[in-house]
mmCIF file of all heavy atoms, coordinates in Angstrom:
data_MODEL
# 
_entry.id   MODEL 
# 
loop_
_atom_site.group_PDB 
_atom_site.id 
_atom_site.type_symbol 
_atom_site.label_atom_id 
_atom_site.label_alt_id 
_atom_site.label_comp_id 
_atom_site.label_asym_id 
_atom_site.label_entity_id 
_atom_site.label_seq_id 
_atom_site.pdbx_PDB_ins_code 
_atom_site.Cartn_x 
_atom_site.Cartn_y 
_atom_site.Cartn_z 
_atom_site.occupancy 
_atom_site.B_iso_or_equiv 
_atom_site.pdbx_formal_charge 
_atom_site.auth_seq_id 
_atom_site.auth_comp_id 
_atom_site.auth_asym_id 
_atom_site.auth_atom_id 
_atom_site.pdbx_PDB_model_num 
ATOM 1   N N   . TYR A 1 1  ? 3.493  -9.418  0.967   1.00 0.00 ? 1  TYR A N   1 
ATOM 2   C CA  . TYR A 1 1  ? 4.100  -8.798  -0.234  1.00 0.00 ? 1  TYR A CA  1 
ATOM 3   C C   . TYR A 1 1  ? 5.154  -9.845  -0.722  1.00 0.00 ? 1  TYR A C   1 
ATOM 4   O O   . TYR A 1 1  ? 6.055  -10.141 0.006   1.00 0.00 ? 1  TYR A O   1 
ATOM 5   C CB  . TYR A 1 1  ? 4.717  -7.454  0.161   1.00 0.00 ? 1  TYR A CB  1 
ATOM 6   C CG  . TYR A 1 1  ? 5.589  -6.795  -0.790  1.00 0.00 ? 1  TYR A CG  1 
ATOM 7   C CD1 . TYR A 1 1  ? 5.257  -6.464  -2.038  1.00 0.00 ? 1  TYR A CD1 1 
ATOM 8   C CD2 . TYR A 1 1  ? 6.896  -6.415  -0.427  1.00 0.00 ? 1  TYR A CD2 1 
ATOM 9   C CE1 . TYR A 1 1  ? 6.124  -5.859  -2.906  1.00 0.00 ? 1  TYR A CE1 1 
ATOM 10  C CE2 . TYR A 1 1  ? 7.803  -5.698  -1.240  1.00 0.00 ? 1  TYR A CE2 1 
ATOM 11  C CZ  . TYR A 1 1  ? 7.366  -5.412  -2.495  1.00 0.00 ? 1  TYR A CZ  1 
ATOM 12  O OH  . TYR A 1 1  ? 8.199  -4.751  -3.419  1.00 0.00 ? 1  TYR A OH  1 
ATOM 13  N N   . ARG A 1 2  ? 5.077  -10.238 -1.968  1.00 0.00 ? 2  ARG A N   1 
ATOM 14  C CA  . ARG A 1 2  ? 5.979  -11.295 -2.507  1.00 0.00 ? 2  ARG A CA  1 
ATOM 15  C C   . ARG A 1 2  ? 7.368  -10.786 -2.537  1.00 0.00 ? 2  ARG A C   1 
ATOM 16  O O   . ARG A 1 2  ? 8.311  -11.457 -2.315  1.00 0.00 ? 2  ARG A O   1 
ATOM 17  C CB  . ARG A 1 2  ? 5.489  -11.878 -3.762  1.00 0.00 ? 2  ARG A CB  1 
ATOM 18  C CG  . ARG A 1 2  ? 4.070  -12.373 -3.674  1.00 0.00 ? 2  ARG A CG  1 
ATOM 19  C CD  . ARG A 1 2  ? 3.670  -13.249 -4.846  1.00 0.00 ? 2  ARG A CD  1 
ATOM 20  N NE  . ARG A 1 2  ? 3.975  -12.757 -6.221  1.00 0.00 ? 2  ARG A NE  1 
ATOM 21  C CZ  . ARG A 1 2  ? 4.057  -13.493 -7.259  1.00 0.00 ? 2  ARG A CZ  1 
ATOM 22  N NH1 . ARG A 1 2  ? 3.830  -14.842 -7.179  1.00 0.00 ? 2  ARG A NH1 1 
ATOM 23  N NH2 . ARG A 1 2  ? 4.289  -12.961 -8.494  1.00 0.00 ? 2  ARG A NH2 1 
ATOM 24  N N   . GLY A 1 3  ? 7.519  -9.503  -3.117  1.00 0.00 ? 3  GLY A N   1 
ATOM 25  C CA  . GLY A 1 3  ? 8.811  -8.977  -3.120  1.00 0.00 ? 3  GLY A CA  1 
ATOM 26  C C   . GLY A 1 3  ? 9.049  -7.861  -4.269  1.00 0.00 ? 3  GLY A C   1 
ATOM 27  O O   . GLY A 1 3  ? 8.173  -7.730  -5.053  1.00 0.00 ? 3  GLY A O   1 
ATOM 28  N N   . ALA A 1 4  ? 10.171 -7.248  -4.129  1.00 0.00 ? 4  ALA A N   1 
ATOM 29  C CA  . ALA A 1 4  ? 10.426 -6.106  -5.062  1.00 0.00 ? 4  ALA A CA  1 
ATOM 30  C C   . ALA A 1 4  ? 10.437 -6.542  -6.569  1.00 0.00 ? 4  ALA A C   1 
ATOM 31  O O   . ALA A 1 4  ? 10.197 -5.653  -7.411  1.00 0.00 ? 4  ALA A O   1 
ATOM 32  C CB  . ALA A 1 4  ? 11.767 -5.406  -4.749  1.00 0.00 ? 4  ALA A CB  1 
ATOM 33  N N   . TRP A 1 5  ? 10.617 -7.825  -6.804  1.00 0.00 ? 5  TRP A N   1 
ATOM 34  C CA  . TRP A 1 5  ? 10.792 -8.311  -8.158  1.00 0.00 ? 5  TRP A CA  1 
ATOM 35  C C   . TRP A 1 5  ? 9.354  -8.507  -8.843  1.00 0.00 ? 5  TRP A C   1 
ATOM 36  O O   . TRP A 1 5  ? 9.299  -8.717  -9.975  1.00 0.00 ? 5  TRP A O   1 
ATOM 37  C CB  . TRP A 1 5  ? 11.425 -9.700  -8.184  1.00 0.00 ? 5  TRP A CB  1 
ATOM 38  C CG  . TRP A 1 5  ? 10.768 -10.635 -7.196  1.00 0.00 ? 5  TRP A CG  1 
ATOM 39  C CD1 . TRP A 1 5  ? 11.143 -10.851 -5.849  1.00 0.00 ? 5  TRP A CD1 1 
ATOM 40  C CD2 . TRP A 1 5  ? 9.734  -11.528 -7.400  1.00 0.00 ? 5  TRP A CD2 1 
ATOM 41  N NE1 . TRP A 1 5  ? 10.325 -11.692 -5.219  1.00 0.00 ? 5  TRP A NE1 1 
ATOM 42  C CE2 . TRP A 1 5  ? 9.506  -12.221 -6.146  1.00 0.00 ? 5  TRP A CE2 1 
ATOM 43  C CE3 . TRP A 1 5  ? 8.923  -11.894 -8.563  1.00 0.00 ? 5  TRP A CE3 1 
ATOM 44  C CZ2 . TRP A 1 5  ? 8.416  -13.154 -6.061  1.00 0.00 ? 5  TRP A CZ2 1 
ATOM 45  C CZ3 . TRP A 1 5  ? 7.897  -12.858 -8.381  1.00 0.00 ? 5  TRP A CZ3 1 
ATOM 46  C CH2 . TRP A 1 5  ? 7.701  -13.417 -7.160  1.00 0.00 ? 5  TRP A CH2 1 
ATOM 47  N N   . CYS A 1 6  ? 8.253  -8.381  -7.983  1.00 0.00 ? 6  CYS A N   1 
ATOM 48  C CA  . CYS A 1 6  ? 6.891  -8.621  -8.527  1.00 0.00 ? 6  CYS A CA  1 
ATOM 49  C C   . CYS A 1 6  ? 6.236  -7.309  -8.859  1.00 0.00 ? 6  CYS A C   1 
ATOM 50  O O   . CYS A 1 6  ? 5.943  -6.517  -7.902  1.00 0.00 ? 6  CYS A O   1 
ATOM 51  C CB  . CYS A 1 6  ? 6.050  -9.388  -7.525  1.00 0.00 ? 6  CYS A CB  1 
ATOM 52  S SG  . CYS A 1 6  ? 4.357  -9.589  -7.983  1.00 0.00 ? 6  CYS A SG  1 
ATOM 53  N N   . PRO A 1 7  ? 6.011  -6.968  -10.164 1.00 0.00 ? 7  PRO A N   1 
ATOM 54  C CA  . PRO A 1 7  ? 5.401  -5.652  -10.499 1.00 0.00 ? 7  PRO A CA  1 
ATOM 55  C C   . PRO A 1 7  ? 4.007  -5.570  -9.981  1.00 0.00 ? 7  PRO A C   1 
ATOM 56  O O   . PRO A 1 7  ? 3.596  -4.495  -9.634  1.00 0.00 ? 7  PRO A O   1 
ATOM 57  C CB  . PRO A 1 7  ? 5.448  -5.699  -11.995 1.00 0.00 ? 7  PRO A CB  1 
ATOM 58  C CG  . PRO A 1 7  ? 5.668  -7.052  -12.409 1.00 0.00 ? 7  PRO A CG  1 
ATOM 59  C CD  . PRO A 1 7  ? 6.441  -7.756  -11.341 1.00 0.00 ? 7  PRO A CD  1 
ATOM 60  N N   . TYR A 1 8  ? 3.220  -6.662  -9.943  1.00 0.00 ? 8  TYR A N   1 
ATOM 61  C CA  . TYR A 1 8  ? 1.850  -6.512  -9.488  1.00 0.00 ? 8  TYR A CA  1 
ATOM 62  C C   . TYR A 1 8  ? 1.879  -6.217  -7.974  1.00 0.00 ? 8  TYR A C   1 
ATOM 63  O O   . TYR A 1 8  ? 1.007  -5.332  -7.533  1.00 0.00 ? 8  TYR A O   1 
ATOM 64  C CB  . TYR A 1 8  ? 1.195  -7.932  -9.620  1.00 0.00 ? 8  TYR A CB  1 
ATOM 65  C CG  . TYR A 1 8  ? 1.102  -8.380  -11.043 1.00 0.00 ? 8  TYR A CG  1 
ATOM 66  C CD1 . TYR A 1 8  ? 2.079  -9.147  -11.650 1.00 0.00 ? 8  TYR A CD1 1 
ATOM 67  C CD2 . TYR A 1 8  ? -0.036 -8.047  -11.831 1.00 0.00 ? 8  TYR A CD2 1 
ATOM 68  C CE1 . TYR A 1 8  ? 1.959  -9.608  -13.001 1.00 0.00 ? 8  TYR A CE1 1 
ATOM 69  C CE2 . TYR A 1 8  ? -0.164 -8.454  -13.161 1.00 0.00 ? 8  TYR A CE2 1 
ATOM 70  C CZ  . TYR A 1 8  ? 0.871  -9.268  -13.645 1.00 0.00 ? 8  TYR A CZ  1 
ATOM 71  O OH  . TYR A 1 8  ? 0.720  -9.670  -15.052 1.00 0.00 ? 8  TYR A OH  1 
ATOM 72  N N   . CYS A 1 9  ? 2.734  -6.708  -7.253  1.00 0.00 ? 9  CYS A N   1 
ATOM 73  C CA  . CYS A 1 9  ? 2.855  -6.370  -5.813  1.00 0.00 ? 9  CYS A CA  1 
ATOM 74  C C   . CYS A 1 9  ? 3.308  -4.938  -5.607  1.00 0.00 ? 9  CYS A C   1 
ATOM 75  O O   . CYS A 1 9  ? 2.788  -4.244  -4.699  1.00 0.00 ? 9  CYS A O   1 
ATOM 76  C CB  . CYS A 1 9  ? 3.962  -7.294  -5.166  1.00 0.00 ? 9  CYS A CB  1 
ATOM 77  S SG  . CYS A 1 9  ? 3.612  -9.042  -5.269  1.00 0.00 ? 9  CYS A SG  1 
ATOM 78  N N   . ASN A 1 10 ? 4.173  -4.443  -6.430  1.00 0.00 ? 10 ASN A N   1 
ATOM 79  C CA  . ASN A 1 10 ? 4.619  -3.022  -6.267  1.00 0.00 ? 10 ASN A CA  1 
ATOM 80  C C   . ASN A 1 10 ? 3.468  -2.059  -6.583  1.00 0.00 ? 10 ASN A C   1 
ATOM 81  O O   . ASN A 1 10 ? 3.307  -1.064  -5.992  1.00 0.00 ? 10 ASN A O   1 
ATOM 82  C CB  . ASN A 1 10 ? 5.812  -2.741  -7.204  1.00 0.00 ? 10 ASN A CB  1 
ATOM 83  C CG  . ASN A 1 10 ? 7.069  -3.449  -6.736  1.00 0.00 ? 10 ASN A CG  1 
ATOM 84  O OD1 . ASN A 1 10 ? 7.320  -3.578  -5.514  1.00 0.00 ? 10 ASN A OD1 1 
ATOM 85  N ND2 . ASN A 1 10 ? 7.879  -4.009  -7.611  1.00 0.00 ? 10 ASN A ND2 1 
ATOM 86  N N   . MET A 1 11 ? 2.701  -2.411  -7.667  1.00 0.00 ? 11 MET A N   1 
ATOM 87  C CA  . MET A 1 11 ? 1.548  -1.580  -7.945  1.00 0.00 ? 11 MET A CA  1 
ATOM 88  C C   . MET A 1 11 ? 0.552  -1.601  -6.815  1.00 0.00 ? 11 MET A C   1 
ATOM 89  O O   . MET A 1 11 ? -0.116 -0.573  -6.429  1.00 0.00 ? 11 MET A O   1 
ATOM 90  C CB  . MET A 1 11 ? 0.942  -2.077  -9.182  1.00 0.00 ? 11 MET A CB  1 
ATOM 91  C CG  . MET A 1 11 ? 1.771  -1.843  -10.454 1.00 0.00 ? 11 MET A CG  1 
ATOM 92  S SD  . MET A 1 11 ? 1.213  -2.649  -11.917 1.00 0.00 ? 11 MET A SD  1 
ATOM 93  C CE  . MET A 1 11 ? -0.162 -1.627  -12.307 1.00 0.00 ? 11 MET A CE  1 
ATOM 94  N N   . GLU A 1 12 ? 0.393  -2.755  -6.127  1.00 0.00 ? 12 GLU A N   1 
ATOM 95  C CA  . GLU A 1 12 ? -0.518 -2.783  -5.008  1.00 0.00 ? 12 GLU A CA  1 
ATOM 96  C C   . GLU A 1 12 ? -0.041 -1.922  -3.883  1.00 0.00 ? 12 GLU A C   1 
ATOM 97  O O   . GLU A 1 12 ? -0.718 -1.209  -3.200  1.00 0.00 ? 12 GLU A O   1 
ATOM 98  C CB  . GLU A 1 12 ? -0.629 -4.243  -4.504  1.00 0.00 ? 12 GLU A CB  1 
ATOM 99  C CG  . GLU A 1 12 ? -1.580 -4.249  -3.306  1.00 0.00 ? 12 GLU A CG  1 
ATOM 100 C CD  . GLU A 1 12 ? -1.697 -5.743  -2.687  1.00 0.00 ? 12 GLU A CD  1 
ATOM 101 O OE1 . GLU A 1 12 ? -0.851 -6.522  -2.999  1.00 0.00 ? 12 GLU A OE1 1 
ATOM 102 O OE2 . GLU A 1 12 ? -2.669 -5.906  -1.954  1.00 0.00 ? 12 GLU A OE2 1 
ATOM 103 N N   . LEU A 1 13 ? 1.349  -1.987  -3.561  1.00 0.00 ? 13 LEU A N   1 
ATOM 104 C CA  . LEU A 1 13 ? 1.922  -1.177  -2.488  1.00 0.00 ? 13 LEU A CA  1 
ATOM 105 C C   . LEU A 1 13 ? 1.690  0.335   -2.780  1.00 0.00 ? 13 LEU A C   1 
ATOM 106 O O   . LEU A 1 13 ? 1.359  1.125   -1.866  1.00 0.00 ? 13 LEU A O   1 
ATOM 107 C CB  . LEU A 1 13 ? 3.374  -1.474  -2.320  1.00 0.00 ? 13 LEU A CB  1 
ATOM 108 C CG  . LEU A 1 13 ? 3.740  -2.820  -1.760  1.00 0.00 ? 13 LEU A CG  1 
ATOM 109 C CD1 . LEU A 1 13 ? 5.251  -2.897  -1.370  1.00 0.00 ? 13 LEU A CD1 1 
ATOM 110 C CD2 . LEU A 1 13 ? 2.892  -3.267  -0.585  1.00 0.00 ? 13 LEU A CD2 1 
ATOM 111 N N   . GLN A 1 14 ? 1.890  0.708   -4.037  1.00 0.00 ? 14 GLN A N   1 
ATOM 112 C CA  . GLN A 1 14 ? 1.629  2.109   -4.444  1.00 0.00 ? 14 GLN A CA  1 
ATOM 113 C C   . GLN A 1 14 ? 0.216  2.542   -4.163  1.00 0.00 ? 14 GLN A C   1 
ATOM 114 O O   . GLN A 1 14 ? -0.064 3.625   -3.659  1.00 0.00 ? 14 GLN A O   1 
ATOM 115 C CB  . GLN A 1 14 ? 2.052  2.357   -5.866  1.00 0.00 ? 14 GLN A CB  1 
ATOM 116 C CG  . GLN A 1 14 ? 3.539  2.200   -6.188  1.00 0.00 ? 14 GLN A CG  1 
ATOM 117 C CD  . GLN A 1 14 ? 3.789  2.052   -7.663  1.00 0.00 ? 14 GLN A CD  1 
ATOM 118 O OE1 . GLN A 1 14 ? 2.973  2.170   -8.548  1.00 0.00 ? 14 GLN A OE1 1 
ATOM 119 N NE2 . GLN A 1 14 ? 5.015  1.560   -7.975  1.00 0.00 ? 14 GLN A NE2 1 
ATOM 120 N N   . ALA A 1 15 ? -0.755 1.619   -4.513  1.00 0.00 ? 15 ALA A N   1 
ATOM 121 C CA  . ALA A 1 15 ? -2.168 1.941   -4.257  1.00 0.00 ? 15 ALA A CA  1 
ATOM 122 C C   . ALA A 1 15 ? -2.442 2.091   -2.813  1.00 0.00 ? 15 ALA A C   1 
ATOM 123 O O   . ALA A 1 15 ? -3.274 2.949   -2.397  1.00 0.00 ? 15 ALA A O   1 
ATOM 124 C CB  . ALA A 1 15 ? -3.046 0.863   -4.875  1.00 0.00 ? 15 ALA A CB  1 
ATOM 125 N N   . LEU A 1 16 ? -1.844 1.190   -1.951  1.00 0.00 ? 16 LEU A N   1 
ATOM 126 C CA  . LEU A 1 16 ? -2.007 1.255   -0.531  1.00 0.00 ? 16 LEU A CA  1 
ATOM 127 C C   . LEU A 1 16 ? -1.425 2.604   0.012   1.00 0.00 ? 16 LEU A C   1 
ATOM 128 O O   . LEU A 1 16 ? -2.030 3.253   0.893   1.00 0.00 ? 16 LEU A O   1 
ATOM 129 C CB  . LEU A 1 16 ? -1.401 0.066   0.161   1.00 0.00 ? 16 LEU A CB  1 
ATOM 130 C CG  . LEU A 1 16 ? -2.126 -1.259  -0.090  1.00 0.00 ? 16 LEU A CG  1 
ATOM 131 C CD1 . LEU A 1 16 ? -1.228 -2.474  0.365   1.00 0.00 ? 16 LEU A CD1 1 
ATOM 132 C CD2 . LEU A 1 16 ? -3.388 -1.246  0.813   1.00 0.00 ? 16 LEU A CD2 1 
ATOM 133 N N   . GLN A 1 17 ? -0.290 3.029   -0.488  1.00 0.00 ? 17 GLN A N   1 
ATOM 134 C CA  . GLN A 1 17 ? 0.353  4.229   -0.044  1.00 0.00 ? 17 GLN A CA  1 
ATOM 135 C C   . GLN A 1 17 ? -0.651 5.439   -0.386  1.00 0.00 ? 17 GLN A C   1 
ATOM 136 O O   . GLN A 1 17 ? -0.775 6.379   0.430   1.00 0.00 ? 17 GLN A O   1 
ATOM 137 C CB  . GLN A 1 17 ? 1.653  4.418   -0.821  1.00 0.00 ? 17 GLN A CB  1 
ATOM 138 C CG  . GLN A 1 17 ? 2.363  5.767   -0.505  1.00 0.00 ? 17 GLN A CG  1 
ATOM 139 C CD  . GLN A 1 17 ? 2.723  5.934   0.950   1.00 0.00 ? 17 GLN A CD  1 
ATOM 140 O OE1 . GLN A 1 17 ? 3.233  4.921   1.599   1.00 0.00 ? 17 GLN A OE1 1 
ATOM 141 N NE2 . GLN A 1 17 ? 2.571  7.019   1.527   1.00 0.00 ? 17 GLN A NE2 1 
ATOM 142 N N   . ASP A 1 18 ? -1.241 5.402   -1.555  1.00 0.00 ? 18 ASP A N   1 
ATOM 143 C CA  . ASP A 1 18 ? -2.180 6.442   -1.893  1.00 0.00 ? 18 ASP A CA  1 
ATOM 144 C C   . ASP A 1 18 ? -3.348 6.566   -0.869  1.00 0.00 ? 18 ASP A C   1 
ATOM 145 O O   . ASP A 1 18 ? -3.879 7.630   -0.687  1.00 0.00 ? 18 ASP A O   1 
ATOM 146 C CB  . ASP A 1 18 ? -2.742 6.220   -3.316  1.00 0.00 ? 18 ASP A CB  1 
ATOM 147 C CG  . ASP A 1 18 ? -1.712 6.409   -4.431  1.00 0.00 ? 18 ASP A CG  1 
ATOM 148 O OD1 . ASP A 1 18 ? -0.646 7.069   -4.113  1.00 0.00 ? 18 ASP A OD1 1 
ATOM 149 O OD2 . ASP A 1 18 ? -1.915 5.958   -5.522  1.00 0.00 ? 18 ASP A OD2 1 
ATOM 150 N N   . GLU A 1 19 ? -3.721 5.394   -0.388  1.00 0.00 ? 19 GLU A N   1 
ATOM 151 C CA  . GLU A 1 19 ? -4.949 5.356   0.514   1.00 0.00 ? 19 GLU A CA  1 
ATOM 152 C C   . GLU A 1 19 ? -4.470 5.550   1.960   1.00 0.00 ? 19 GLU A C   1 
ATOM 153 O O   . GLU A 1 19 ? -5.305 5.656   2.772   1.00 0.00 ? 19 GLU A O   1 
ATOM 154 C CB  . GLU A 1 19 ? -5.641 3.943   0.391   1.00 0.00 ? 19 GLU A CB  1 
ATOM 155 C CG  . GLU A 1 19 ? -7.080 4.013   0.671   1.00 0.00 ? 19 GLU A CG  1 
ATOM 156 C CD  . GLU A 1 19 ? -7.941 4.753   -0.268  1.00 0.00 ? 19 GLU A CD  1 
ATOM 157 O OE1 . GLU A 1 19 ? -7.746 4.619   -1.478  1.00 0.00 ? 19 GLU A OE1 1 
ATOM 158 O OE2 . GLU A 1 19 ? -8.803 5.553   0.153   1.00 0.00 ? 19 GLU A OE2 1 
ATOM 159 N N   . LEU A 1 20 ? -3.192 5.536   2.190   1.00 0.00 ? 20 LEU A N   1 
ATOM 160 C CA  . LEU A 1 20 ? -2.659 5.648   3.609   1.00 0.00 ? 20 LEU A CA  1 
ATOM 161 C C   . LEU A 1 20 ? -3.229 6.753   4.455   1.00 0.00 ? 20 LEU A C   1 
ATOM 162 O O   . LEU A 1 20 ? -3.584 6.542   5.648   1.00 0.00 ? 20 LEU A O   1 
ATOM 163 C CB  . LEU A 1 20 ? -1.114 5.659   3.602   1.00 0.00 ? 20 LEU A CB  1 
ATOM 164 C CG  . LEU A 1 20 ? -0.483 5.619   4.952   1.00 0.00 ? 20 LEU A CG  1 
ATOM 165 C CD1 . LEU A 1 20 ? -0.850 4.341   5.757   1.00 0.00 ? 20 LEU A CD1 1 
ATOM 166 C CD2 . LEU A 1 20 ? 1.094  5.737   4.805   1.00 0.00 ? 20 LEU A CD2 1 
ATOM 167 N N   . PRO A 1 21 ? -3.364 8.005   3.872   1.00 0.00 ? 21 PRO A N   1 
ATOM 168 C CA  . PRO A 1 21 ? -3.907 9.029   4.731   1.00 0.00 ? 21 PRO A CA  1 
ATOM 169 C C   . PRO A 1 21 ? -5.380 8.746   5.264   1.00 0.00 ? 21 PRO A C   1 
ATOM 170 O O   . PRO A 1 21 ? -5.638 9.039   6.475   1.00 0.00 ? 21 PRO A O   1 
ATOM 171 C CB  . PRO A 1 21 ? -4.007 10.314  3.760   1.00 0.00 ? 21 PRO A CB  1 
ATOM 172 C CG  . PRO A 1 21 ? -2.939 9.981   2.834   1.00 0.00 ? 21 PRO A CG  1 
ATOM 173 C CD  . PRO A 1 21 ? -2.935 8.505   2.555   1.00 0.00 ? 21 PRO A CD  1 
ATOM 174 N N   . ALA A 1 22 ? -6.139 8.087   4.455   1.00 0.00 ? 22 ALA A N   1 
ATOM 175 C CA  . ALA A 1 22 ? -7.466 7.682   4.891   1.00 0.00 ? 22 ALA A CA  1 
ATOM 176 C C   . ALA A 1 22 ? -7.393 6.569   5.962   1.00 0.00 ? 22 ALA A C   1 
ATOM 177 O O   . ALA A 1 22 ? -8.198 6.582   6.893   1.00 0.00 ? 22 ALA A O   1 
ATOM 178 C CB  . ALA A 1 22 ? -8.368 7.196   3.696   1.00 0.00 ? 22 ALA A CB  1 
ATOM 179 N N   . PHE A 1 23 ? -6.441 5.664   5.825   1.00 0.00 ? 23 PHE A N   1 
ATOM 180 C CA  . PHE A 1 23 ? -6.278 4.711   6.864   1.00 0.00 ? 23 PHE A CA  1 
ATOM 181 C C   . PHE A 1 23 ? -5.852 5.267   8.223   1.00 0.00 ? 23 PHE A C   1 
ATOM 182 O O   . PHE A 1 23 ? -6.365 4.900   9.198   1.00 0.00 ? 23 PHE A O   1 
ATOM 183 C CB  . PHE A 1 23 ? -5.269 3.598   6.468   1.00 0.00 ? 23 PHE A CB  1 
ATOM 184 C CG  . PHE A 1 23 ? -5.555 2.819   5.173   1.00 0.00 ? 23 PHE A CG  1 
ATOM 185 C CD1 . PHE A 1 23 ? -4.537 2.324   4.388   1.00 0.00 ? 23 PHE A CD1 1 
ATOM 186 C CD2 . PHE A 1 23 ? -6.829 2.586   4.847   1.00 0.00 ? 23 PHE A CD2 1 
ATOM 187 C CE1 . PHE A 1 23 ? -4.792 1.630   3.251   1.00 0.00 ? 23 PHE A CE1 1 
ATOM 188 C CE2 . PHE A 1 23 ? -7.171 1.880   3.616   1.00 0.00 ? 23 PHE A CE2 1 
ATOM 189 C CZ  . PHE A 1 23 ? -6.133 1.388   2.880   1.00 0.00 ? 23 PHE A CZ  1 
ATOM 190 N N   . LEU A 1 24 ? -4.996 6.177   8.080   1.00 0.00 ? 24 LEU A N   1 
ATOM 191 C CA  . LEU A 1 24 ? -4.428 6.868   9.344   1.00 0.00 ? 24 LEU A CA  1 
ATOM 192 C C   . LEU A 1 24 ? -5.539 7.728   9.966   1.00 0.00 ? 24 LEU A C   1 
ATOM 193 O O   . LEU A 1 24 ? -5.684 7.719   11.222  1.00 0.00 ? 24 LEU A O   1 
ATOM 194 C CB  . LEU A 1 24 ? -3.184 7.773   8.991   1.00 0.00 ? 24 LEU A CB  1 
ATOM 195 C CG  . LEU A 1 24 ? -1.978 7.017   8.451   1.00 0.00 ? 24 LEU A CG  1 
ATOM 196 C CD1 . LEU A 1 24 ? -0.851 8.066   8.161   1.00 0.00 ? 24 LEU A CD1 1 
ATOM 197 C CD2 . LEU A 1 24 ? -1.399 6.081   9.500   1.00 0.00 ? 24 LEU A CD2 1 
ATOM 198 N N   . ALA A 1 25 ? -6.366 8.349   9.139   1.00 0.00 ? 25 ALA A N   1 
ATOM 199 C CA  . ALA A 1 25 ? -7.483 9.116   9.698   1.00 0.00 ? 25 ALA A CA  1 
ATOM 200 C C   . ALA A 1 25 ? -8.493 8.225   10.415  1.00 0.00 ? 25 ALA A C   1 
ATOM 201 O O   . ALA A 1 25 ? -9.140 8.613   11.404  1.00 0.00 ? 25 ALA A O   1 
ATOM 202 C CB  . ALA A 1 25 ? -8.189 9.813   8.580   1.00 0.00 ? 25 ALA A CB  1 
ATOM 203 N N   . ALA A 1 26 ? -8.553 6.930   10.023  1.00 0.00 ? 26 ALA A N   1 
ATOM 204 C CA  . ALA A 1 26 ? -9.408 6.017   10.644  1.00 0.00 ? 26 ALA A CA  1 
ATOM 205 C C   . ALA A 1 26 ? -8.773 5.350   11.830  1.00 0.00 ? 26 ALA A C   1 
ATOM 206 O O   . ALA A 1 26 ? -9.382 4.455   12.566  1.00 0.00 ? 26 ALA A O   1 
ATOM 207 C CB  . ALA A 1 26 ? -9.860 4.902   9.721   1.00 0.00 ? 26 ALA A CB  1 
ATOM 208 N N   . GLY A 1 27 ? -7.495 5.713   12.177  1.00 0.00 ? 27 GLY A N   1 
ATOM 209 C CA  . GLY A 1 27 ? -6.831 5.283   13.377  1.00 0.00 ? 27 GLY A CA  1 
ATOM 210 C C   . GLY A 1 27 ? -6.073 3.967   13.173  1.00 0.00 ? 27 GLY A C   1 
ATOM 211 O O   . GLY A 1 27 ? -5.546 3.290   14.105  1.00 0.00 ? 27 GLY A O   1 
ATOM 212 N N   . ALA A 1 28 ? -5.883 3.529   11.910  1.00 0.00 ? 28 ALA A N   1 
ATOM 213 C CA  . ALA A 1 28 ? -5.234 2.316   11.607  1.00 0.00 ? 28 ALA A CA  1 
ATOM 214 C C   . ALA A 1 28 ? -3.772 2.435   11.270  1.00 0.00 ? 28 ALA A C   1 
ATOM 215 O O   . ALA A 1 28 ? -3.336 3.472   10.805  1.00 0.00 ? 28 ALA A O   1 
ATOM 216 C CB  . ALA A 1 28 ? -5.984 1.565   10.410  1.00 0.00 ? 28 ALA A CB  1 
ATOM 217 N N   . SER A 1 29 ? -2.988 1.368   11.452  1.00 0.00 ? 29 SER A N   1 
ATOM 218 C CA  . SER A 1 29 ? -1.664 1.200   11.007  1.00 0.00 ? 29 SER A CA  1 
ATOM 219 C C   . SER A 1 29 ? -1.634 0.288   9.848   1.00 0.00 ? 29 SER A C   1 
ATOM 220 O O   . SER A 1 29 ? -2.494 -0.594  9.726   1.00 0.00 ? 29 SER A O   1 
ATOM 221 C CB  . SER A 1 29 ? -0.750 0.557   12.128  1.00 0.00 ? 29 SER A CB  1 
ATOM 222 O OG  . SER A 1 29 ? -0.778 1.366   13.280  1.00 0.00 ? 29 SER A OG  1 
# 
């Protein structure tokens, strides 16, 4: 992650957060 100043990076983090329940269900961190 480049940093809080990068809007593209922040949108990616938000998308990863949305998918986090599925990642956790698969046993991943």
